[in-house]
Amino acid sequence: MKSTTAIHKIKSEFSLQNATNFGGVNIFLAFLVKIKLSEAMRNLSGGKARNTIFPIHRILLYFIVGWMLGCERIFHFRRRLQRDALLQRFFGGRCPHHSLLYKELIRLGRSSPKLVHELRKLNHEVIRPCLPANLILDLDSTVETVYGDQSGAAKGTNPHKPGRKSYHPLLAFEGQTRLNLNTVLRPGNTHSSTDAVGFLQQTFDLLGERQVKYARVNKGFGGEDFYGLWERKNIGYVGKLKWTQRLAKEVQACRYWTRYVDEDWIIEGISLIYKATSWNKARRVAVIRKAQVFDDGQGRIVFDTDWQYEAIVTNLEWEAIDLWRFYNQRCCMENSIKEAKNGFSINRIATGDFKANELDLAIKLLAYNLFERFKRDCCEPVHLGYTIARFRFEFFHCAAMLVRHSRSVVLKLMKEFAGRHAWKRIEAKVALLE
């Protein structure tokens, strides 16, 4: 029988118990249990007394779940997660208060300097099954604007908010899987290549016996020590060079260009041996120029002023067009950084303490990698391209209620849940994990 009650006459009351807004996240929580993440975190530094209500591994796990479910600030944990029935059961009956999260993050940042490195090692244990045999290392930096007096923040190059203080983290991703390999938080007045050699060496140590075959870097990185590191390790690298007057003069002396594309756009390339002022030796540089064809009705015309030039330094013997196309595949890293910012809020600064913020960055990128591994291990091929925002919308955000029945607890999800069939297939794959 259809209801005839007008919507404005429907009574409301807050009496529903054991309910959750995130019934769909149960598949991800079961995944965390299957990979034994909580057990792996028990040995991390910063532990408290054995009888503490919220030990270190529960605090860190709570952070991971919170960032996974879309919390952008720590105080969002209070409104979204603290009273959630499903999460309370997962964490043993009680979730930490959001004020405790602030205190614990600052305490751990100051008293446990080894914890960030231990999280980096744990991060590599998480992603190890997903890494290919030959890695492609993509290196980049990003700007995180701050709006207070956070320690370690400084005024530097800030394209979005000129003049404001910022952090300038350095990140390394694996180019084929988009997994984060390493990250370090730096003040905003550092250059992209500041401490890049030490950061790379730390990344190689974390990778252990894993072989990095290729590397791609933008024009913010460079220098003799930087390129020399790739060459000593026999890693093929391609790096964008700044287009300087000195380089342009050398290129103008080259007459014989190889044409690769002759359509609406003309693309030509050439290779030369070039020695920058900061290099101790000359290196191979591939130059690509492209121009759009102008049709005047009688013929196709390209003016000398129409050419756009790009230069790439490399130790590979590939054709210029192949080097250019390989480097351009690096743009996927920009999407990875965008996902880390928009999906896991690495640009939302948690506290005023630099060490605590570095720890928070490591936790968020661990959550990012856990989501990527979850998609590869348990989801269907169509889901591999999903962002965390889309995955939350289609699978995690589902009204549900915990019901005790026959000495067991049943999670009753909304019957009209649109993604229920795919959700059940993911649940089945999680159950098969060993």
Protein backbone atom coordinates (compact mmCIF):
# COMPACT_ATOMS: atom_id res chain seq x y z
CA MET A 1 0.00 0.00 0.00
CA LYS A 2 1.38 3.39 -0.96
CA SER A 3 1.91 5.90 1.81
CA THR A 4 -0.16 9.07 1.66
CA THR A 5 1.67 10.86 4.47
CA ALA A 6 3.17 14.16 3.34
CA ILE A 7 6.93 14.46 3.77
CA HIS A 8 6.63 17.43 6.13
CA LYS A 9 4.38 15.38 8.43
CA ILE A 10 6.83 12.50 8.89
CA LYS A 11 8.06 12.42 12.49
CA SER A 12 11.75 12.04 13.28
CA GLU A 13 13.67 10.74 16.27
CA PHE A 14 17.28 9.75 16.99
CA SER A 15 16.74 6.22 18.25
CA LEU A 16 18.45 3.92 15.72
CA GLN A 17 21.18 1.92 17.46
CA ASN A 18 24.25 0.04 16.21
CA ALA A 19 24.09 1.87 12.87
CA THR A 20 26.92 2.96 10.59
CA ASN A 21 27.30 5.29 7.63
CA PHE A 22 30.19 3.21 6.33
CA GLY A 23 28.80 -0.31 6.10
CA GLY A 24 30.63 -0.88 2.83
CA VAL A 25 34.06 -0.31 4.37
CA ASN A 26 33.81 -3.71 6.04
CA ILE A 27 35.54 -5.27 3.00
CA PHE A 28 38.55 -3.00 3.49
CA LEU A 29 38.65 -3.60 7.26
CA ALA A 30 38.61 -7.36 6.57
CA PHE A 31 41.48 -6.82 4.11
CA LEU A 32 43.53 -5.10 6.83
CA VAL A 33 42.93 -8.07 9.11
CA LYS A 34 43.91 -10.55 6.38
CA ILE A 35 47.27 -8.85 5.68
CA LYS A 36 47.88 -8.62 9.46
CA LEU A 37 48.63 -4.90 9.42
CA SER A 38 47.82 -4.45 13.11
CA GLU A 39 50.29 -7.20 14.09
CA ALA A 40 53.01 -5.61 11.95
CA MET A 41 52.45 -2.27 13.70
CA ARG A 42 52.83 -3.69 17.20
CA ASN A 43 56.63 -3.63 16.92
CA LEU A 44 56.88 0.04 15.93
CA SER A 45 58.62 2.60 18.13
CA GLY A 46 56.69 4.87 20.46
CA GLY A 47 54.83 2.18 22.37
CA LYS A 48 53.18 2.94 25.69
CA ALA A 49 52.42 0.85 28.77
CA ARG A 50 50.86 -2.55 28.15
CA ASN A 51 47.65 -1.64 29.95
CA THR A 52 47.04 1.49 27.88
CA ILE A 53 43.61 1.75 26.29
CA PHE A 54 44.92 2.96 22.94
CA PRO A 55 48.33 1.45 22.09
CA ILE A 56 50.40 2.81 19.25
CA HIS A 57 49.23 0.31 16.65
CA ARG A 58 45.57 1.17 17.29
CA ILE A 59 46.25 4.90 17.00
CA LEU A 60 48.06 4.47 13.67
CA LEU A 61 45.42 2.08 12.36
CA TYR A 62 42.70 4.56 13.33
CA PHE A 63 44.52 7.27 11.37
CA ILE A 64 44.72 5.01 8.30
CA VAL A 65 41.01 4.16 8.41
CA GLY A 66 40.09 7.81 8.95
CA TRP A 67 42.11 9.08 5.98
CA MET A 68 40.69 6.21 3.91
CA LEU A 69 37.12 7.26 4.74
CA GLY A 70 37.63 10.87 3.71
CA CYS A 71 38.57 12.74 6.88
CA GLU A 72 40.52 15.83 5.83
CA ARG A 73 41.30 17.19 9.29
CA ILE A 74 41.80 15.46 12.60
CA PHE A 75 38.69 17.05 14.10
CA HIS A 76 36.67 15.36 11.33
CA PHE A 77 37.28 12.06 13.18
CA ARG A 78 34.94 13.28 15.92
CA ARG A 79 31.96 13.90 13.66
CA ARG A 80 32.39 11.00 11.25
CA LEU A 81 34.03 8.08 13.02
CA GLN A 82 34.10 8.24 16.80
CA ARG A 83 30.54 6.95 17.39
CA ASP A 84 30.34 4.68 14.34
CA ALA A 85 29.15 1.21 15.44
CA LEU A 86 31.14 -0.75 12.83
CA LEU A 87 34.41 1.05 13.59
CA GLN A 88 33.88 0.71 17.34
CA ARG A 89 33.60 -3.05 16.91
CA PHE A 90 36.68 -3.13 14.67
CA PHE A 91 38.73 -1.21 17.25
CA GLY A 92 37.55 -3.23 20.21
CA GLY A 93 34.53 -1.31 21.43
CA ARG A 94 35.87 2.25 21.59
CA CYS A 95 37.49 4.75 19.22
CA PRO A 96 40.04 7.35 20.37
CA HIS A 97 38.87 10.91 20.95
CA HIS A 98 40.08 13.32 18.27
CA SER A 99 41.95 15.45 20.85
CA LEU A 100 44.03 12.38 21.75
CA LEU A 101 45.04 12.04 18.10
CA TYR A 102 46.59 15.52 18.13
CA LYS A 103 48.51 14.75 21.33
CA GLU A 104 49.70 11.34 20.15
CA LEU A 105 50.84 12.64 16.77
CA ILE A 106 52.95 15.36 18.40
CA ARG A 107 54.26 12.98 21.09
CA LEU A 108 55.31 10.38 18.54
CA GLY A 109 56.90 12.98 16.28
CA ARG A 110 59.05 14.33 19.10
CA SER A 111 59.84 11.22 21.14
CA SER A 112 60.13 8.58 18.40
CA PRO A 113 62.42 9.88 15.62
CA LYS A 114 62.80 6.35 14.21
CA LEU A 115 59.06 5.87 13.71
CA VAL A 116 58.93 7.63 10.32
CA HIS A 117 61.66 5.38 8.93
CA GLU A 118 59.95 2.31 10.40
CA LEU A 119 56.72 3.33 8.65
CA ARG A 120 58.67 3.64 5.40
CA LYS A 121 59.91 0.08 5.85
CA LEU A 122 56.40 -1.11 6.67
CA ASN A 123 55.18 0.70 3.57
CA HIS A 124 57.59 -1.33 1.44
CA GLU A 125 56.45 -4.56 3.06
CA VAL A 126 52.90 -3.62 2.07
CA ILE A 127 53.68 -2.83 -1.56
CA ARG A 128 56.32 -5.52 -2.14
CA PRO A 129 53.88 -8.05 -3.71
CA CYS A 130 52.69 -5.39 -6.18
CA LEU A 131 56.05 -4.14 -7.45
CA PRO A 132 57.28 -5.34 -10.87
CA ALA A 133 60.69 -6.96 -11.36
CA ASN A 134 62.16 -3.88 -13.09
CA LEU A 135 61.11 -0.59 -11.55
CA ILE A 136 60.64 2.82 -13.15
CA LEU A 137 61.34 5.53 -10.59
CA ASP A 138 59.52 8.86 -11.02
CA LEU A 139 60.74 11.72 -8.87
CA ASP A 140 58.88 14.95 -8.18
CA SER A 141 58.11 17.54 -5.51
CA THR A 142 54.96 19.43 -4.62
CA VAL A 143 53.96 22.48 -2.60
CA GLU A 144 51.74 22.30 0.49
CA THR A 145 50.56 25.73 1.61
CA VAL A 146 50.17 26.38 5.35
CA TYR A 147 47.95 29.00 6.96
CA GLY A 148 49.63 29.47 10.32
CA ASP A 149 53.01 29.43 12.05
CA GLN A 150 53.80 25.75 11.64
CA SER A 151 57.39 24.90 12.46
CA GLY A 152 59.59 24.22 9.44
CA ALA A 153 57.31 26.10 7.06
CA ALA A 154 58.96 28.85 5.03
CA LYS A 155 58.26 31.20 2.14
CA GLY A 156 59.40 29.83 -1.19
CA THR A 157 58.16 29.21 -4.69
CA ASN A 158 54.41 28.82 -4.31
CA PRO A 159 52.52 28.96 -7.63
CA HIS A 160 49.08 28.69 -5.99
CA LYS A 161 49.48 31.07 -3.03
CA PRO A 162 52.46 33.38 -3.75
CA GLY A 163 54.00 34.82 -0.62
CA ARG A 164 52.52 32.28 1.79
CA LYS A 165 54.57 29.85 3.84
CA SER A 166 54.60 26.25 2.72
CA TYR A 167 56.18 22.82 2.92
CA HIS A 168 57.93 21.30 -0.09
CA PRO A 169 57.81 17.47 0.19
CA LEU A 170 59.87 15.28 -2.13
CA LEU A 171 58.16 12.13 -3.44
CA ALA A 172 59.20 9.03 -5.37
CA PHE A 173 56.64 6.85 -7.17
CA GLU A 174 56.92 3.64 -9.18
CA GLY A 175 55.94 4.60 -12.73
CA GLN A 176 54.09 1.41 -13.71
CA THR A 177 52.02 0.79 -10.58
CA ARG A 178 51.77 4.39 -9.26
CA LEU A 179 52.80 3.16 -5.80
CA ASN A 180 54.61 5.54 -3.50
CA LEU A 181 58.16 4.40 -2.76
CA ASN A 182 59.37 7.14 -0.46
CA THR A 183 58.67 10.67 0.73
CA VAL A 184 60.31 13.30 2.89
CA LEU A 185 58.91 16.58 4.22
CA ARG A 186 61.02 19.72 3.65
CA PRO A 187 60.65 23.47 4.32
CA GLY A 188 59.04 25.52 1.59
CA ASN A 189 62.18 27.50 0.73
CA THR A 190 64.10 24.43 -0.49
CA HIS A 191 64.75 23.80 -4.16
CA SER A 192 63.35 20.69 -5.85
CA SER A 193 66.80 19.10 -6.02
CA THR A 194 67.78 19.92 -2.40
CA ASP A 195 68.96 16.70 -0.70
CA ALA A 196 67.69 14.72 -3.71
CA VAL A 197 70.81 12.51 -3.80
CA GLY A 198 70.42 11.51 -0.16
CA PHE A 199 66.70 10.93 -0.69
CA LEU A 200 67.42 8.64 -3.65
CA GLN A 201 70.00 6.68 -1.68
CA GLN A 202 67.46 6.19 1.10
CA THR A 203 64.95 4.98 -1.50
CA PHE A 204 67.44 2.46 -2.90
CA ASP A 205 68.11 1.18 0.63
CA LEU A 206 64.39 0.69 1.20
CA LEU A 207 64.04 -1.18 -2.10
CA GLY A 208 66.83 -3.58 -1.14
CA GLU A 209 67.45 -6.06 -3.93
CA ARG A 210 64.73 -4.60 -6.17
CA GLN A 211 66.27 -3.31 -9.39
CA VAL A 212 65.48 0.18 -10.66
CA LYS A 213 65.83 0.01 -14.44
CA TYR A 214 64.75 3.51 -15.50
CA ALA A 215 64.24 6.90 -13.89
CA ARG A 216 62.33 10.00 -15.02
CA VAL A 217 62.78 13.48 -13.53
CA ASN A 218 61.60 16.97 -14.42
CA LYS A 219 63.71 20.06 -14.98
CA GLY A 220 63.72 20.99 -11.30
CA PHE A 221 66.34 18.30 -10.69
CA GLY A 222 69.90 18.22 -11.97
CA GLY A 223 73.56 18.66 -11.21
CA GLU A 224 76.66 16.50 -11.53
CA ASP A 225 76.05 14.55 -8.32
CA PHE A 226 72.45 13.85 -9.30
CA TYR A 227 73.15 12.50 -12.79
CA GLY A 228 76.32 10.78 -11.61
CA LEU A 229 74.30 8.71 -9.13
CA TRP A 230 72.18 7.21 -11.93
CA GLU A 231 75.25 6.50 -14.01
CA ARG A 232 77.14 4.77 -11.19
CA LYS A 233 74.14 2.52 -10.58
CA ASN A 234 73.68 1.80 -14.33
CA ILE A 235 70.14 3.17 -14.28
CA GLY A 236 68.79 4.59 -17.53
CA TYR A 237 67.51 8.08 -16.87
CA VAL A 238 65.64 10.75 -18.83
CA GLY A 239 65.48 14.23 -17.38
CA LYS A 240 63.96 17.42 -18.75
CA LEU A 241 66.48 20.25 -19.17
CA LYS A 242 65.80 23.95 -18.82
CA TRP A 243 65.83 25.67 -22.19
CA THR A 244 68.67 28.18 -21.77
CA GLN A 245 70.20 30.59 -24.25
CA ARG A 246 73.41 28.60 -24.22
CA LEU A 247 71.60 25.38 -25.09
CA ALA A 248 69.50 27.15 -27.74
CA LYS A 249 72.67 28.46 -29.39
CA GLU A 250 74.11 24.95 -29.56
CA VAL A 251 70.86 23.60 -31.06
CA GLN A 252 70.71 26.34 -33.70
CA ALA A 253 74.01 25.09 -35.05
CA CYS A 254 72.42 21.70 -35.79
CA ARG A 255 71.11 21.53 -39.34
CA TYR A 256 69.96 17.95 -39.92
CA TRP A 257 66.74 17.20 -38.05
CA THR A 258 64.88 13.89 -38.24
CA ARG A 259 61.17 14.30 -38.93
CA TYR A 260 59.00 11.83 -36.99
CA VAL A 261 55.48 13.24 -37.47
CA ASP A 262 54.26 15.15 -40.53
CA GLU A 263 50.56 15.84 -40.02
CA ASP A 264 48.69 18.75 -38.42
CA TRP A 265 51.65 18.94 -36.06
CA ILE A 266 55.21 18.46 -37.26
CA ILE A 267 57.58 16.83 -34.76
CA GLU A 268 61.31 16.67 -35.40
CA GLY A 269 64.23 15.52 -33.27
CA ILE A 270 67.98 15.63 -33.01
CA SER A 271 70.66 14.42 -30.59
CA LEU A 272 73.84 16.23 -29.56
CA ILE A 273 76.60 16.06 -26.99
CA TYR A 274 76.25 18.95 -24.57
CA LYS A 275 78.03 20.03 -21.38
CA ALA A 276 76.16 22.27 -18.96
CA THR A 277 78.08 24.63 -16.72
CA SER A 278 77.34 22.53 -13.60
CA TRP A 279 78.46 19.24 -15.19
CA ASN A 280 81.96 17.75 -15.05
CA LYS A 281 81.50 15.98 -18.37
CA ALA A 282 79.44 16.21 -21.54
CA ARG A 283 76.26 14.15 -21.82
CA ARG A 284 73.83 13.14 -24.54
CA VAL A 285 70.91 15.51 -24.98
CA ALA A 286 67.90 14.78 -27.20
CA VAL A 287 66.00 17.81 -28.51
CA ILE A 288 62.44 17.65 -29.80
CA ARG A 289 60.82 20.52 -31.62
CA LYS A 290 57.20 20.69 -32.72
CA ALA A 291 55.08 23.18 -34.62
CA GLN A 292 51.51 23.36 -35.86
CA VAL A 293 51.14 23.57 -39.64
CA PHE A 294 49.59 26.71 -41.12
CA ASP A 295 47.58 26.22 -44.32
CA ASP A 296 47.32 29.38 -46.46
CA GLY A 297 45.25 27.73 -49.20
CA GLN A 298 48.20 27.17 -51.50
CA GLY A 299 50.49 25.12 -49.33
CA ARG A 300 51.56 24.18 -45.82
CA ILE A 301 53.74 26.71 -44.03
CA VAL A 302 55.78 26.48 -40.82
CA PHE A 303 57.50 29.63 -39.59
CA ASP A 304 60.76 29.47 -37.65
CA THR A 305 59.11 31.30 -34.74
CA ASP A 306 56.43 28.59 -34.45
CA TRP A 307 58.78 25.88 -33.18
CA GLN A 308 58.47 24.74 -29.55
CA TYR A 309 61.60 23.12 -28.15
CA GLU A 310 62.09 20.52 -25.42
CA ALA A 311 65.45 19.11 -24.30
CA ILE A 312 66.02 15.81 -22.47
CA VAL A 313 69.33 14.66 -20.97
CA THR A 314 69.86 10.91 -20.91
CA ASN A 315 72.33 8.05 -20.83
CA LEU A 316 70.11 5.89 -23.08
CA GLU A 317 70.81 5.33 -26.77
CA TRP A 318 67.19 5.59 -27.84
CA GLU A 319 65.79 7.69 -30.65
CA ALA A 320 64.85 11.23 -29.64
CA ILE A 321 61.15 10.61 -30.23
CA ASP A 322 61.21 7.47 -28.03
CA LEU A 323 62.92 9.36 -25.20
CA TRP A 324 60.37 12.16 -25.47
CA ARG A 325 57.40 9.78 -25.41
CA PHE A 326 58.86 7.79 -22.52
CA TYR A 327 59.38 10.96 -20.52
CA ASN A 328 55.83 12.15 -21.25
CA GLN A 329 54.45 8.99 -19.61
CA ARG A 330 55.75 10.48 -16.39
CA CYS A 331 52.69 12.78 -16.35
CA CYS A 332 50.81 9.93 -14.61
CA MET A 333 52.78 10.87 -11.51
CA GLU A 334 50.98 14.21 -11.44
CA ASN A 335 47.72 12.24 -11.16
CA SER A 336 49.19 10.20 -8.30
CA ILE A 337 50.13 13.35 -6.40
CA LYS A 338 46.68 14.77 -7.13
CA GLU A 339 45.10 11.59 -5.76
CA ALA A 340 47.26 11.79 -2.62
CA LYS A 341 46.19 15.41 -2.11
CA ASN A 342 42.49 15.22 -2.98
CA GLY A 343 41.91 11.67 -1.75
CA PHE A 344 44.17 11.40 1.30
CA SER A 345 44.67 15.07 2.21
CA ILE A 346 48.48 15.18 2.26
CA ASN A 347 48.12 18.93 1.69
CA ARG A 348 46.07 19.34 4.89
CA ILE A 349 48.62 20.08 7.61
CA ALA A 350 47.64 18.30 10.82
CA THR A 351 49.63 20.09 13.55
CA GLY A 352 52.06 22.93 14.16
CA ASP A 353 54.98 20.56 14.76
CA PHE A 354 57.26 19.67 11.82
CA LYS A 355 58.11 16.14 12.99
CA ALA A 356 54.46 15.36 13.68
CA ASN A 357 53.51 16.60 10.21
CA GLU A 358 56.20 14.42 8.63
CA LEU A 359 54.80 11.43 10.53
CA ASP A 360 51.29 12.32 9.38
CA LEU A 361 52.51 12.47 5.76
CA ALA A 362 54.02 8.99 6.07
CA ILE A 363 50.74 7.61 7.50
CA LYS A 364 48.65 9.15 4.71
CA LEU A 365 50.90 7.75 1.97
CA LEU A 366 50.79 4.34 3.69
CA ALA A 367 46.98 4.57 3.47
CA TYR A 368 47.34 5.52 -0.22
CA ASN A 369 49.45 2.41 -0.89
CA LEU A 370 47.10 0.17 1.08
CA PHE A 371 44.23 1.30 -1.11
CA GLU A 372 46.24 0.64 -4.28
CA ARG A 373 47.17 -2.86 -3.06
CA PHE A 374 43.57 -3.53 -2.02
CA LYS A 375 42.38 -2.74 -5.56
CA ARG A 376 45.00 -5.05 -7.08
CA ASP A 377 44.45 -7.95 -4.68
CA CYS A 378 40.70 -7.93 -4.22
CA CYS A 379 38.91 -5.79 -6.79
CA GLU A 380 37.98 -6.31 -10.40
CA PRO A 381 39.98 -4.91 -13.33
CA VAL A 382 37.42 -2.17 -13.91
CA HIS A 383 38.07 -0.85 -10.40
CA LEU A 384 41.83 -0.40 -10.82
CA GLY A 385 41.37 3.08 -12.25
CA TYR A 386 38.98 4.20 -9.51
CA THR A 387 40.06 7.09 -7.31
CA ILE A 388 39.48 6.75 -3.58
CA ALA A 389 36.69 9.37 -3.84
CA ARG A 390 34.81 7.28 -6.38
CA PHE A 391 35.43 4.08 -4.44
CA ARG A 392 34.04 5.65 -1.27
CA PHE A 393 30.96 6.83 -3.13
CA GLU A 394 30.26 3.47 -4.80
CA PHE A 395 31.29 1.00 -2.08
CA PHE A 396 32.16 2.47 1.34
CA HIS A 397 29.25 4.85 1.88
CA CYS A 398 26.38 2.51 2.60
CA ALA A 399 23.92 2.64 5.49
CA ALA A 400 24.07 -0.51 7.61
CA MET A 401 23.23 -1.86 11.04
CA LEU A 402 24.92 -4.41 13.28
CA VAL A 403 22.46 -7.05 14.50
CA ARG A 404 23.07 -9.90 16.95
CA HIS A 405 21.54 -13.12 15.70
CA SER A 406 22.09 -16.71 16.86
CA ARG A 407 25.23 -15.86 18.85
CA SER A 408 26.71 -14.10 15.84
CA VAL A 409 26.84 -10.52 14.61
CA VAL A 410 25.39 -9.71 11.19
CA LEU A 411 26.10 -6.53 9.27
CA LYS A 412 22.83 -5.68 7.51
CA LEU A 413 23.50 -3.36 4.59
CA MET A 414 20.91 -1.39 2.69
CA LYS A 415 18.97 -3.73 0.41
CA GLU A 416 18.88 -1.23 -2.50
CA PHE A 417 22.67 -0.71 -2.40
CA ALA A 418 23.56 -0.21 -6.09
CA GLY A 419 26.99 -1.84 -5.91
CA ARG A 420 25.96 -4.88 -3.86
CA HIS A 421 26.88 -7.50 -6.48
CA ALA A 422 30.40 -6.16 -7.07
CA TRP A 423 30.75 -5.62 -3.30
CA LYS A 424 29.93 -9.28 -2.63
CA ARG A 425 32.52 -10.41 -5.21
CA ILE A 426 35.15 -8.24 -3.52
CA GLU A 427 34.14 -9.68 -0.14
CA ALA A 428 34.62 -13.18 -1.50
CA LYS A 429 38.12 -12.34 -2.78
CA VAL A 430 39.08 -10.87 0.58
CA ALA A 431 37.92 -14.04 2.31
CA LEU A 432 40.24 -16.12 0.07
CA LEU A 433 43.35 -14.14 1.05
CA GLU A 434 45.88 -16.01 3.13
